[in-house]
N, C-alpha and C. Protein backbone atom coordinates (compact mmCIF):
# COMPACT_ATOMS: atom_id res chain seq x y z
N MET A 1 -29.29 3.41 -5.42
CA MET A 1 -29.12 4.37 -4.69
C MET A 1 -27.87 5.38 -5.64
N PHE A 2 -27.17 4.21 -6.45
CA PHE A 2 -26.16 5.49 -7.34
C PHE A 2 -26.56 5.85 -8.23
N GLN A 3 -26.20 7.18 -8.13
CA GLN A 3 -26.20 8.43 -8.93
C GLN A 3 -25.48 8.10 -10.39
N SER A 4 -24.24 7.48 -10.27
CA SER A 4 -23.41 7.24 -11.35
C SER A 4 -22.45 6.00 -11.05
N VAL A 5 -22.37 5.30 -12.07
CA VAL A 5 -21.42 4.15 -11.68
C VAL A 5 -20.42 3.62 -12.77
N SER A 6 -19.38 3.48 -12.42
CA SER A 6 -18.51 3.09 -13.55
C SER A 6 -17.83 1.69 -13.51
N PRO A 7 -17.81 1.01 -14.69
CA PRO A 7 -17.40 -0.19 -14.39
C PRO A 7 -16.08 -0.32 -14.00
N MET A 8 -16.15 -1.39 -13.15
CA MET A 8 -14.45 -1.71 -12.43
C MET A 8 -14.20 -3.43 -12.54
N SER A 9 -13.31 -3.92 -12.85
CA SER A 9 -13.14 -5.27 -12.90
C SER A 9 -11.92 -5.73 -11.81
N GLY A 10 -12.61 -6.50 -11.05
CA GLY A 10 -10.95 -7.09 -10.33
C GLY A 10 -11.22 -6.19 -8.71
N GLY A 11 -10.79 -6.99 -7.87
CA GLY A 11 -10.82 -6.70 -6.26
C GLY A 11 -11.93 -7.32 -5.62
N VAL A 12 -11.93 -7.53 -4.56
CA VAL A 12 -12.55 -7.98 -3.79
C VAL A 12 -13.45 -7.29 -2.51
N ALA A 13 -14.19 -7.25 -2.26
CA ALA A 13 -14.79 -6.83 -0.76
C ALA A 13 -15.37 -7.70 0.52
N THR A 14 -14.72 -7.34 1.09
CA THR A 14 -15.06 -8.54 2.72
C THR A 14 -15.66 -7.69 3.80
N PHE A 15 -16.96 -8.38 3.84
CA PHE A 15 -17.59 -7.68 4.65
C PHE A 15 -18.31 -8.84 5.80
N GLU A 16 -19.17 -8.97 6.47
CA GLU A 16 -20.08 -9.43 7.54
C GLU A 16 -19.14 -10.93 7.67
N GLY A 17 -19.15 -11.59 8.63
CA GLY A 17 -18.61 -12.80 8.67
C GLY A 17 -17.44 -13.53 7.55
N ASN A 18 -16.73 -12.38 7.16
CA ASN A 18 -15.52 -12.63 6.33
C ASN A 18 -15.94 -13.17 4.99
N ARG A 19 -17.33 -12.92 4.42
CA ARG A 19 -17.57 -13.14 3.54
C ARG A 19 -17.17 -12.07 2.72
N LYS A 20 -17.15 -12.62 1.04
CA LYS A 20 -16.41 -12.05 0.16
C LYS A 20 -17.07 -11.65 -1.14
N GLY A 21 -17.26 -10.57 -1.73
CA GLY A 21 -17.75 -10.37 -3.05
C GLY A 21 -17.14 -9.46 -4.11
N LEU A 22 -17.11 -10.09 -5.23
CA LEU A 22 -16.61 -9.38 -6.26
C LEU A 22 -16.88 -8.03 -6.57
N ILE A 23 -16.06 -6.86 -6.73
CA ILE A 23 -16.13 -5.60 -7.03
C ILE A 23 -16.11 -5.56 -8.33
N ILE A 24 -17.57 -4.76 -9.15
CA ILE A 24 -17.81 -4.81 -10.36
C ILE A 24 -18.19 -3.36 -10.75
N GLY A 25 -17.71 -2.33 -9.95
CA GLY A 25 -17.86 -1.10 -10.41
C GLY A 25 -18.11 0.16 -9.11
N ILE A 26 -17.78 1.12 -9.62
CA ILE A 26 -17.30 2.44 -8.29
C ILE A 26 -18.45 3.61 -9.02
N GLY A 27 -18.79 4.28 -7.89
CA GLY A 27 -19.39 5.07 -8.24
C GLY A 27 -19.96 6.07 -6.96
N LYS A 28 -20.88 7.17 -7.35
CA LYS A 28 -21.48 8.15 -6.25
C LYS A 28 -22.70 7.61 -5.86
N VAL A 29 -23.00 7.53 -4.49
CA VAL A 29 -24.27 7.23 -4.18
C VAL A 29 -24.90 8.62 -3.67
N CYS A 30 -26.17 8.82 -3.90
CA CYS A 30 -26.84 9.71 -3.17
C CYS A 30 -27.98 9.21 -2.23
N ILE A 31 -27.77 9.77 -1.41
CA ILE A 31 -28.85 9.78 -0.25
C ILE A 31 -29.82 10.56 0.19
N PRO A 32 -31.03 10.47 -0.30
CA PRO A 32 -31.87 11.45 -0.42
C PRO A 32 -31.60 12.53 0.78
N SER A 33 -31.82 13.96 0.44
CA SER A 33 -31.70 14.96 1.71
C SER A 33 -30.43 14.82 2.04
N TYR A 34 -29.31 14.50 1.66
CA TYR A 34 -27.85 14.46 1.95
C TYR A 34 -26.85 14.64 0.97
N SER A 35 -25.72 14.94 1.24
CA SER A 35 -24.65 15.21 0.58
C SER A 35 -24.41 13.56 -0.10
N PRO A 36 -24.06 13.62 -1.48
CA PRO A 36 -23.70 12.41 -2.12
C PRO A 36 -22.10 11.98 -1.52
N ILE A 37 -22.20 10.75 -1.66
CA ILE A 37 -21.09 10.04 -1.24
C ILE A 37 -20.05 9.38 -2.55
N ASN A 38 -18.66 9.75 -2.82
CA ASN A 38 -18.15 9.21 -3.98
C ASN A 38 -17.29 7.80 -3.69
N ASN A 39 -16.87 7.42 -4.56
CA ASN A 39 -15.96 6.32 -4.38
C ASN A 39 -16.74 5.12 -3.81
N VAL A 40 -18.00 4.98 -4.02
CA VAL A 40 -18.54 3.72 -3.42
C VAL A 40 -18.68 2.80 -4.13
N LEU A 41 -17.95 1.56 -3.73
CA LEU A 41 -17.86 0.14 -4.07
C LEU A 41 -19.33 -0.49 -4.70
N ARG A 42 -19.21 -1.00 -5.87
CA ARG A 42 -20.76 -1.62 -6.14
C ARG A 42 -19.90 -3.37 -6.25
N VAL A 43 -20.62 -4.20 -5.26
CA VAL A 43 -20.22 -5.25 -5.07
C VAL A 43 -21.28 -6.54 -5.76
N LYS A 44 -21.01 -7.18 -6.46
CA LYS A 44 -21.98 -8.18 -7.27
C LYS A 44 -22.90 -9.09 -6.05
N GLY A 45 -24.15 -9.08 -6.35
CA GLY A 45 -24.83 -9.82 -5.43
C GLY A 45 -25.08 -9.00 -4.35
N LEU A 46 -24.78 -7.99 -4.04
CA LEU A 46 -24.86 -7.06 -2.64
C LEU A 46 -26.24 -6.43 -2.97
N LYS A 47 -27.16 -6.66 -1.83
CA LYS A 47 -28.47 -5.90 -2.07
C LYS A 47 -28.48 -4.55 -1.38
N HIS A 48 -27.46 -4.40 -0.29
CA HIS A 48 -27.60 -3.09 0.25
C HIS A 48 -26.19 -2.42 0.28
N ILE A 49 -26.36 -1.08 0.78
CA ILE A 49 -25.39 -0.37 0.54
C ILE A 49 -24.52 -0.58 1.63
N MET A 50 -23.19 -0.73 1.57
CA MET A 50 -22.62 -1.21 2.84
C MET A 50 -21.54 0.04 2.98
N LEU A 51 -21.47 1.00 4.19
CA LEU A 51 -20.24 1.96 3.74
C LEU A 51 -19.42 1.61 5.09
N SER A 52 -18.22 1.58 4.55
CA SER A 52 -17.24 1.20 5.43
C SER A 52 -16.66 2.39 6.49
N ILE A 53 -16.76 2.67 7.64
CA ILE A 53 -16.46 3.30 8.31
C ILE A 53 -15.01 4.04 8.36
N ARG A 54 -13.84 3.09 7.98
CA ARG A 54 -12.71 3.25 7.91
C ARG A 54 -12.55 4.47 6.56
N GLN A 55 -13.19 4.01 5.47
CA GLN A 55 -13.49 4.68 4.04
C GLN A 55 -13.91 6.16 4.47
N LEU A 56 -14.83 6.33 5.20
CA LEU A 56 -15.79 7.71 5.63
C LEU A 56 -14.77 8.65 6.41
N CYS A 57 -13.88 8.07 7.36
CA CYS A 57 -12.91 8.50 7.98
C CYS A 57 -12.16 9.22 7.01
N ASP A 58 -11.38 8.20 6.11
CA ASP A 58 -10.38 8.53 5.36
C ASP A 58 -10.72 9.31 4.17
N CYS A 59 -11.88 9.64 3.99
CA CYS A 59 -12.15 11.02 3.13
C CYS A 59 -12.64 12.08 3.99
N GLY A 60 -11.94 12.02 5.26
CA GLY A 60 -12.34 13.25 5.94
C GLY A 60 -13.52 13.44 6.65
N TYR A 61 -14.48 12.41 6.62
CA TYR A 61 -15.95 12.55 7.11
C TYR A 61 -15.59 12.28 8.84
N ASN A 62 -16.54 12.94 9.73
CA ASN A 62 -16.36 12.48 11.26
C ASN A 62 -17.50 11.68 11.44
N VAL A 63 -17.25 10.44 12.16
CA VAL A 63 -18.44 9.21 12.19
C VAL A 63 -18.36 8.90 13.83
N THR A 64 -19.48 9.45 14.26
CA THR A 64 -19.85 9.31 15.89
C THR A 64 -20.88 7.81 16.07
N PHE A 65 -20.84 7.32 17.25
CA PHE A 65 -21.65 6.36 17.55
C PHE A 65 -22.21 6.81 19.11
N ASN A 66 -23.51 6.48 19.46
CA ASN A 66 -23.80 6.31 20.73
C ASN A 66 -24.63 5.00 20.53
N LYS A 67 -25.05 4.96 21.70
CA LYS A 67 -26.33 4.07 22.04
C LYS A 67 -27.36 3.83 21.08
N ASP A 68 -27.83 4.67 20.45
CA ASP A 68 -28.89 4.84 19.79
C ASP A 68 -28.78 4.96 18.06
N ILE A 69 -27.77 6.09 18.04
CA ILE A 69 -27.71 6.50 16.55
C ILE A 69 -26.30 6.66 16.23
N CYS A 70 -25.68 6.58 14.86
CA CYS A 70 -24.78 6.85 13.96
C CYS A 70 -25.07 8.22 13.23
N VAL A 71 -23.98 8.84 13.55
CA VAL A 71 -24.12 10.32 12.72
C VAL A 71 -22.43 10.49 11.90
N VAL A 72 -22.70 10.73 10.81
CA VAL A 72 -21.67 11.09 9.69
C VAL A 72 -21.90 12.91 9.51
N GLN A 73 -20.60 13.57 9.81
CA GLN A 73 -20.58 14.84 9.49
C GLN A 73 -19.31 15.09 8.66
N ASN A 74 -19.49 16.01 7.82
CA ASN A 74 -18.74 16.98 7.07
C ASN A 74 -17.41 17.32 8.19
N LYS A 75 -16.21 18.18 7.00
CA LYS A 75 -15.33 18.38 7.77
C LYS A 75 -15.74 19.56 8.83
N ASP A 76 -17.12 20.10 8.23
CA ASP A 76 -17.26 21.32 8.86
C ASP A 76 -18.26 21.41 9.89
N ASN A 77 -18.71 19.93 10.40
CA ASN A 77 -19.61 19.57 11.01
C ASN A 77 -20.81 19.65 10.78
N SER A 78 -21.16 19.84 9.75
CA SER A 78 -22.44 19.73 9.11
C SER A 78 -22.84 18.22 8.94
N SER A 79 -23.93 17.85 9.02
CA SER A 79 -24.64 16.59 9.23
C SER A 79 -24.72 16.04 7.76
N LEU A 80 -23.76 15.00 7.59
CA LEU A 80 -23.93 14.07 6.23
C LEU A 80 -25.54 13.40 5.98
N PHE A 81 -25.60 12.56 6.97
CA PHE A 81 -26.64 11.75 7.37
C PHE A 81 -26.40 11.19 8.56
N SER A 82 -27.25 10.55 9.01
CA SER A 82 -27.55 9.82 10.28
C SER A 82 -28.60 8.43 10.36
N ASP A 83 -28.11 7.60 11.20
CA ASP A 83 -29.28 6.40 11.14
C ASP A 83 -29.14 5.78 12.42
N LYS A 84 -30.30 5.03 12.72
CA LYS A 84 -30.31 4.15 14.10
C LYS A 84 -29.45 3.18 14.11
N ARG A 85 -29.02 2.88 15.18
CA ARG A 85 -27.81 1.75 15.07
C ARG A 85 -28.77 0.35 15.22
């Protein structure tokens, strides 16, 4: 799903269960039918894209959850993407 990625050496990403993965790149992810997301880290051995809610909020996106769905919106409240919880 990376549209572009640049090599990056050093750094560790922490995810579920306090596991850690080596950061090997940074790039732009394109989810079909949605706006691209910049500065997504590529982690060695990770086979799924894991987006950080904090990083999305720091980039100015609005993230909301309810019992069924998570919605990520741009600053103008247009939908970036949504997914089932």
